[in-house]
């Protein structure tokens, strides 16, 4: 397996989701490490716009040729957008997990990135599990 890409401008959860904070809007997806572990993604189930997420709670499901896994919210707030392209092209998660493979956007509450890992800490966390 290739070394996972871990962009410096994102925040990370210990459940291998990433968060890109843009004011009160936070875009969420799974990390390169997670998509490598899963293998070829064949299905993604996401919540509807308007759904309220609790930090750390499951918000959807991702299915690959290897496994079915829950997706966990790295931030709390209201879902304001979902990546509809994943319904017909779930492989975007494998092809571009930090770009076109994003999953949802949340109107975050409070300090959205508090308690999340920065790139250095997440790289250390991934290395410890390898």
N, C-alpha and C. Protein backbone atom coordinates (compact mmCIF):
# COMPACT_ATOMS: atom_id res chain seq x y z
N UNK A 1 0.84 -1.18 0.00
CA UNK A 1 0.00 0.00 0.00
C UNK A 1 0.89 1.25 0.00
N UNK A 2 0.51 2.22 -0.80
CA UNK A 2 1.26 3.46 -0.89
C UNK A 2 1.09 4.28 0.38
N UNK A 3 2.09 5.12 0.68
CA UNK A 3 1.94 6.03 1.81
C UNK A 3 0.74 6.93 1.56
N UNK A 4 -0.14 7.07 2.53
CA UNK A 4 -1.32 7.89 2.32
C UNK A 4 -0.98 9.38 2.23
N UNK A 5 -1.72 10.07 1.38
CA UNK A 5 -1.60 11.54 1.31
C UNK A 5 -2.36 12.12 2.50
N UNK A 6 -1.72 13.09 3.16
CA UNK A 6 -2.32 13.75 4.32
C UNK A 6 -2.11 15.25 4.17
N UNK A 7 -3.04 15.94 3.48
CA UNK A 7 -2.87 17.38 3.27
C UNK A 7 -2.77 18.17 4.57
N UNK A 8 -1.90 19.18 4.57
CA UNK A 8 -1.67 20.02 5.75
C UNK A 8 -2.83 20.93 6.11
N UNK A 9 -3.70 21.23 5.13
CA UNK A 9 -4.75 22.23 5.36
C UNK A 9 -6.06 21.64 5.87
N UNK A 10 -6.06 20.37 6.25
CA UNK A 10 -7.27 19.70 6.72
C UNK A 10 -7.11 19.27 8.17
N UNK A 11 -8.24 18.92 8.79
CA UNK A 11 -8.26 18.35 10.13
C UNK A 11 -8.78 16.92 10.01
N UNK A 12 -8.42 16.08 10.97
CA UNK A 12 -8.69 14.64 10.85
C UNK A 12 -9.27 14.08 12.14
N UNK A 13 -10.13 13.06 11.98
CA UNK A 13 -10.67 12.36 13.14
C UNK A 13 -9.94 11.02 13.27
N UNK A 14 -10.04 10.41 14.43
CA UNK A 14 -9.45 9.09 14.63
C UNK A 14 -10.26 7.99 13.94
N UNK A 15 -11.40 8.35 13.36
CA UNK A 15 -12.18 7.40 12.56
C UNK A 15 -11.86 7.55 11.07
N UNK A 16 -10.83 8.33 10.76
CA UNK A 16 -10.31 8.50 9.40
C UNK A 16 -11.20 9.32 8.49
N UNK A 17 -11.91 10.30 9.06
CA UNK A 17 -12.59 11.30 8.26
C UNK A 17 -11.75 12.57 8.27
N UNK A 18 -11.89 13.36 7.21
CA UNK A 18 -11.22 14.66 7.17
C UNK A 18 -12.28 15.76 7.20
N UNK A 19 -11.85 16.95 7.63
CA UNK A 19 -12.74 18.12 7.69
C UNK A 19 -11.97 19.33 7.15
N UNK A 20 -12.61 20.03 6.21
CA UNK A 20 -12.05 21.27 5.67
C UNK A 20 -12.94 22.41 6.15
N UNK A 21 -12.40 23.26 7.01
CA UNK A 21 -13.17 24.35 7.60
C UNK A 21 -13.08 25.58 6.72
N UNK A 22 -14.26 26.09 6.33
CA UNK A 22 -14.37 27.30 5.52
C UNK A 22 -15.41 28.20 6.18
N UNK A 23 -15.00 28.83 7.29
CA UNK A 23 -15.96 29.60 8.08
C UNK A 23 -16.86 28.65 8.82
N UNK A 24 -18.18 28.88 8.73
CA UNK A 24 -19.09 27.96 9.43
C UNK A 24 -19.38 26.72 8.59
N UNK A 25 -18.96 26.71 7.31
CA UNK A 25 -19.14 25.54 6.45
C UNK A 25 -17.93 24.62 6.61
N UNK A 26 -18.21 23.34 6.87
CA UNK A 26 -17.15 22.35 6.99
C UNK A 26 -17.47 21.22 6.01
N UNK A 27 -16.55 20.97 5.08
CA UNK A 27 -16.70 19.88 4.13
C UNK A 27 -16.04 18.65 4.72
N UNK A 28 -16.66 17.47 4.51
CA UNK A 28 -16.23 16.23 5.15
C UNK A 28 -16.07 15.13 4.11
N UNK A 29 -15.08 14.27 4.33
CA UNK A 29 -14.89 13.08 3.50
C UNK A 29 -14.06 12.08 4.28
N UNK A 30 -13.67 10.99 3.62
CA UNK A 30 -12.77 10.04 4.28
C UNK A 30 -11.36 10.25 3.75
N UNK A 31 -10.39 9.85 4.54
CA UNK A 31 -8.99 10.09 4.21
C UNK A 31 -8.47 9.10 3.17
N UNK A 32 -7.33 9.45 2.62
CA UNK A 32 -6.65 8.56 1.68
C UNK A 32 -6.30 7.24 2.35
N UNK A 33 -5.88 7.30 3.61
CA UNK A 33 -5.59 6.08 4.35
C UNK A 33 -6.83 5.19 4.41
N UNK A 34 -7.98 5.78 4.73
CA UNK A 34 -9.22 5.01 4.85
C UNK A 34 -9.62 4.38 3.52
N UNK A 35 -9.55 5.16 2.44
CA UNK A 35 -9.97 4.60 1.15
C UNK A 35 -9.01 3.51 0.69
N UNK A 36 -7.72 3.60 1.04
CA UNK A 36 -6.78 2.54 0.70
C UNK A 36 -7.12 1.27 1.48
N UNK A 37 -7.48 1.43 2.76
CA UNK A 37 -7.84 0.28 3.58
C UNK A 37 -9.11 -0.40 3.06
N UNK A 38 -10.06 0.40 2.60
CA UNK A 38 -11.32 -0.14 2.12
C UNK A 38 -11.18 -0.87 0.79
N UNK A 39 -10.33 -0.37 -0.08
CA UNK A 39 -10.28 -0.91 -1.44
C UNK A 39 -11.33 -0.22 -2.30
N UNK A 40 -11.73 -0.86 -3.38
CA UNK A 40 -12.65 -0.24 -4.33
C UNK A 40 -14.01 0.02 -3.70
N UNK A 41 -14.38 1.30 -3.62
CA UNK A 41 -15.66 1.71 -3.05
C UNK A 41 -16.76 1.48 -4.09
N UNK A 42 -17.83 0.80 -3.66
CA UNK A 42 -18.92 0.47 -4.58
C UNK A 42 -20.25 1.12 -4.19
N UNK A 43 -20.35 1.69 -2.99
CA UNK A 43 -21.61 2.28 -2.55
C UNK A 43 -21.34 3.23 -1.39
N UNK A 44 -22.01 4.40 -1.41
CA UNK A 44 -21.93 5.35 -0.31
C UNK A 44 -23.35 5.79 0.03
N UNK A 45 -23.74 5.66 1.29
CA UNK A 45 -25.05 6.12 1.76
C UNK A 45 -24.83 7.34 2.64
N UNK A 46 -25.43 8.46 2.24
CA UNK A 46 -25.25 9.72 2.95
C UNK A 46 -26.60 10.22 3.48
N UNK A 47 -26.58 11.07 4.51
CA UNK A 47 -27.82 11.60 5.06
C UNK A 47 -28.42 12.67 4.13
N UNK A 48 -29.67 12.99 4.36
CA UNK A 48 -30.34 14.03 3.59
C UNK A 48 -29.91 15.41 4.07
N UNK A 49 -29.97 16.39 3.17
CA UNK A 49 -29.75 17.78 3.55
C UNK A 49 -30.77 18.11 4.65
N UNK A 50 -30.31 18.82 5.66
CA UNK A 50 -31.17 19.17 6.79
C UNK A 50 -30.99 18.26 7.99
N UNK A 51 -30.33 17.12 7.79
CA UNK A 51 -30.08 16.20 8.90
C UNK A 51 -29.12 16.83 9.90
N UNK A 52 -29.39 16.64 11.17
CA UNK A 52 -28.50 17.15 12.22
C UNK A 52 -27.51 16.06 12.61
N UNK A 53 -26.22 16.40 12.58
CA UNK A 53 -25.18 15.44 12.94
C UNK A 53 -24.63 15.74 14.32
N UNK A 54 -24.35 14.69 15.06
CA UNK A 54 -23.66 14.80 16.35
C UNK A 54 -22.22 14.35 16.12
N UNK A 55 -21.29 15.11 16.64
CA UNK A 55 -19.87 14.76 16.49
C UNK A 55 -19.63 13.36 17.05
N UNK A 56 -18.95 12.54 16.24
CA UNK A 56 -18.60 11.19 16.65
C UNK A 56 -19.67 10.16 16.36
N UNK A 57 -20.86 10.59 15.97
CA UNK A 57 -21.96 9.66 15.67
C UNK A 57 -21.92 9.25 14.20
N UNK A 58 -22.43 8.06 13.92
CA UNK A 58 -22.48 7.58 12.53
C UNK A 58 -23.44 8.45 11.73
N UNK A 59 -23.04 8.80 10.50
CA UNK A 59 -23.92 9.58 9.63
C UNK A 59 -24.21 8.88 8.31
N UNK A 60 -23.55 7.79 8.03
CA UNK A 60 -23.77 7.09 6.78
C UNK A 60 -22.98 5.80 6.74
N UNK A 61 -22.97 5.20 5.55
CA UNK A 61 -22.31 3.91 5.35
C UNK A 61 -21.51 3.97 4.06
N UNK A 62 -20.34 3.34 4.08
CA UNK A 62 -19.54 3.18 2.87
C UNK A 62 -19.27 1.69 2.68
N UNK A 63 -19.46 1.24 1.45
CA UNK A 63 -19.29 -0.18 1.15
C UNK A 63 -18.23 -0.32 0.06
N UNK A 64 -17.33 -1.27 0.29
CA UNK A 64 -16.29 -1.55 -0.70
C UNK A 64 -16.32 -3.04 -1.02
N UNK A 65 -15.43 -3.45 -1.91
CA UNK A 65 -15.36 -4.87 -2.23
C UNK A 65 -14.88 -5.68 -1.03
N UNK A 66 -14.26 -5.02 -0.04
CA UNK A 66 -13.72 -5.71 1.14
C UNK A 66 -14.61 -5.64 2.37
N UNK A 67 -15.34 -4.53 2.54
CA UNK A 67 -16.02 -4.31 3.83
C UNK A 67 -17.16 -3.30 3.71
N UNK A 68 -18.00 -3.29 4.72
CA UNK A 68 -19.02 -2.27 4.90
C UNK A 68 -18.66 -1.56 6.20
N UNK A 69 -18.57 -0.23 6.16
CA UNK A 69 -18.15 0.53 7.33
C UNK A 69 -19.06 1.72 7.54
N UNK A 70 -19.25 2.08 8.81
CA UNK A 70 -19.97 3.30 9.14
C UNK A 70 -19.07 4.50 8.88
N UNK A 71 -19.70 5.63 8.60
CA UNK A 71 -19.01 6.92 8.48
C UNK A 71 -19.37 7.72 9.72
N UNK A 72 -18.40 8.41 10.32
CA UNK A 72 -18.62 9.13 11.57
C UNK A 72 -18.38 10.62 11.38
N UNK A 73 -19.26 11.41 11.95
CA UNK A 73 -19.18 12.86 11.82
C UNK A 73 -18.01 13.42 12.64
N UNK A 74 -17.08 14.11 11.98
CA UNK A 74 -15.99 14.74 12.73
C UNK A 74 -16.42 16.05 13.38
N UNK A 75 -17.57 16.58 12.96
CA UNK A 75 -18.09 17.83 13.52
C UNK A 75 -19.60 17.70 13.73
N UNK A 76 -20.13 18.54 14.61
CA UNK A 76 -21.58 18.61 14.82
C UNK A 76 -22.15 19.74 14.00
N UNK A 77 -23.39 19.56 13.55
CA UNK A 77 -24.07 20.62 12.82
C UNK A 77 -25.11 20.06 11.87
N UNK A 78 -25.60 20.94 11.00
CA UNK A 78 -26.65 20.58 10.05
C UNK A 78 -26.05 20.33 8.68
N UNK A 79 -26.44 19.23 8.05
CA UNK A 79 -25.99 18.92 6.69
C UNK A 79 -26.60 19.95 5.75
N UNK A 80 -25.75 20.67 5.01
CA UNK A 80 -26.24 21.68 4.07
C UNK A 80 -26.01 21.28 2.62
N UNK A 81 -25.21 20.24 2.38
CA UNK A 81 -25.00 19.73 1.02
C UNK A 81 -24.47 18.31 1.10
N UNK A 82 -24.84 17.49 0.11
CA UNK A 82 -24.28 16.16 -0.02
C UNK A 82 -23.76 16.01 -1.44
N UNK A 83 -22.76 15.18 -1.61
CA UNK A 83 -22.17 14.96 -2.92
C UNK A 83 -23.01 13.92 -3.66
N UNK A 84 -23.97 14.39 -4.43
CA UNK A 84 -24.87 13.52 -5.17
C UNK A 84 -24.17 12.66 -6.20
N UNK A 85 -22.99 13.09 -6.67
CA UNK A 85 -22.25 12.32 -7.67
C UNK A 85 -21.86 10.94 -7.14
N UNK A 86 -21.73 10.81 -5.83
CA UNK A 86 -21.33 9.52 -5.25
C UNK A 86 -22.39 8.44 -5.41
N UNK A 87 -23.64 8.84 -5.64
CA UNK A 87 -24.71 7.86 -5.84
C UNK A 87 -24.47 7.03 -7.09
N UNK A 88 -23.95 7.66 -8.13
CA UNK A 88 -23.70 6.94 -9.38
C UNK A 88 -22.22 6.67 -9.63
N UNK A 89 -21.35 7.41 -8.92
CA UNK A 89 -19.91 7.22 -9.10
C UNK A 89 -19.19 7.15 -7.76
N UNK A 90 -19.48 6.10 -6.96
CA UNK A 90 -18.84 6.00 -5.64
C UNK A 90 -17.32 5.87 -5.74
N UNK A 91 -16.81 5.45 -6.89
CA UNK A 91 -15.37 5.32 -7.08
C UNK A 91 -14.63 6.66 -6.98
N UNK A 92 -15.36 7.77 -7.00
CA UNK A 92 -14.71 9.08 -6.81
C UNK A 92 -14.00 9.14 -5.47
N UNK A 93 -14.49 8.40 -4.49
CA UNK A 93 -13.84 8.36 -3.17
C UNK A 93 -12.42 7.80 -3.33
N UNK A 94 -12.25 6.78 -4.16
CA UNK A 94 -10.92 6.21 -4.40
C UNK A 94 -10.07 7.12 -5.27
N UNK A 95 -10.69 7.72 -6.27
CA UNK A 95 -9.95 8.51 -7.25
C UNK A 95 -9.49 9.86 -6.72
N UNK A 96 -10.30 10.50 -5.86
CA UNK A 96 -10.01 11.86 -5.42
C UNK A 96 -10.70 12.14 -4.09
N UNK A 97 -10.26 11.45 -3.04
CA UNK A 97 -10.98 11.51 -1.75
C UNK A 97 -11.00 12.92 -1.15
N UNK A 98 -10.01 13.75 -1.47
CA UNK A 98 -9.96 15.11 -0.91
C UNK A 98 -10.57 16.15 -1.84
N UNK A 99 -11.02 15.74 -3.01
CA UNK A 99 -11.59 16.66 -3.99
C UNK A 99 -12.98 16.22 -4.38
N UNK A 100 -13.11 15.65 -5.58
CA UNK A 100 -14.42 15.25 -6.10
C UNK A 100 -15.09 14.15 -5.28
N UNK A 101 -14.32 13.46 -4.43
CA UNK A 101 -14.88 12.40 -3.60
C UNK A 101 -15.35 12.86 -2.23
N UNK A 102 -15.49 14.20 -2.03
CA UNK A 102 -16.03 14.71 -0.75
C UNK A 102 -17.42 14.12 -0.52
N UNK A 103 -17.85 14.09 0.71
CA UNK A 103 -19.13 13.45 1.03
C UNK A 103 -20.24 14.42 1.37
N UNK A 104 -19.99 15.32 2.31
CA UNK A 104 -21.04 16.26 2.68
C UNK A 104 -20.44 17.54 3.23
N UNK A 105 -21.30 18.55 3.31
CA UNK A 105 -20.92 19.82 3.92
C UNK A 105 -21.90 20.08 5.07
N UNK A 106 -21.35 20.62 6.15
CA UNK A 106 -22.09 20.84 7.38
C UNK A 106 -21.99 22.30 7.78
N UNK A 107 -23.11 22.87 8.24
CA UNK A 107 -23.06 24.17 8.91
C UNK A 107 -22.71 23.84 10.35
N UNK A 108 -21.44 24.01 10.66
CA UNK A 108 -20.91 23.55 11.94
C UNK A 108 -21.31 24.45 13.09
N UNK A 109 -21.32 23.85 14.27
CA UNK A 109 -21.63 24.56 15.50
C UNK A 109 -20.36 24.74 16.32
N UNK A 110 -20.20 25.89 16.93
CA UNK A 110 -19.07 26.14 17.82
C UNK A 110 -17.74 26.07 17.09
N UNK A 111 -16.70 25.72 17.82
CA UNK A 111 -15.36 25.59 17.26
C UNK A 111 -15.28 24.21 16.60
N UNK A 112 -15.57 24.16 15.31
CA UNK A 112 -15.75 22.90 14.58
C UNK A 112 -14.53 21.98 14.65
N UNK A 113 -13.34 22.56 14.61
CA UNK A 113 -12.14 21.72 14.51
C UNK A 113 -11.52 21.39 15.87
N UNK A 114 -12.08 21.89 16.95
CA UNK A 114 -11.56 21.57 18.29
C UNK A 114 -11.60 20.06 18.49
N UNK A 115 -10.51 19.51 18.96
CA UNK A 115 -10.46 18.08 19.24
C UNK A 115 -10.08 17.22 18.05
N UNK A 116 -9.99 17.82 16.86
CA UNK A 116 -9.55 17.06 15.69
C UNK A 116 -8.03 17.12 15.59
N UNK A 117 -7.47 16.19 14.85
CA UNK A 117 -6.01 16.12 14.68
C UNK A 117 -5.57 16.98 13.51
N UNK A 118 -4.39 17.61 13.65
CA UNK A 118 -3.80 18.28 12.49
C UNK A 118 -3.06 17.22 11.68
N UNK A 119 -2.50 17.62 10.54
CA UNK A 119 -1.88 16.65 9.62
C UNK A 119 -0.73 15.89 10.29
N UNK A 120 0.09 16.56 11.07
CA UNK A 120 1.22 15.91 11.73
C UNK A 120 0.74 14.85 12.72
N UNK A 121 -0.24 15.21 13.54
CA UNK A 121 -0.77 14.28 14.53
C UNK A 121 -1.48 13.10 13.85
N UNK A 122 -2.20 13.37 12.75
CA UNK A 122 -2.89 12.28 12.05
C UNK A 122 -1.87 11.34 11.40
N UNK A 123 -0.80 11.88 10.83
CA UNK A 123 0.24 11.04 10.22
C UNK A 123 0.85 10.12 11.27
N UNK A 124 1.08 10.65 12.46
CA UNK A 124 1.61 9.85 13.57
C UNK A 124 0.61 8.76 13.95
N UNK A 125 -0.67 9.12 14.02
CA UNK A 125 -1.73 8.17 14.37
C UNK A 125 -1.81 7.04 13.34
N UNK A 126 -1.72 7.37 12.07
CA UNK A 126 -1.75 6.35 11.00
C UNK A 126 -0.53 5.44 11.12
N UNK A 127 0.64 6.03 11.35
CA UNK A 127 1.88 5.25 11.44
C UNK A 127 1.82 4.25 12.61
N UNK A 128 1.22 4.68 13.72
CA UNK A 128 1.09 3.81 14.90
C UNK A 128 0.24 2.58 14.59
N UNK A 129 -0.72 2.70 13.69
CA UNK A 129 -1.62 1.59 13.36
C UNK A 129 -1.07 0.70 12.27
N UNK A 130 -0.08 1.19 11.55
CA UNK A 130 0.45 0.41 10.39
C UNK A 130 1.26 -0.78 10.85
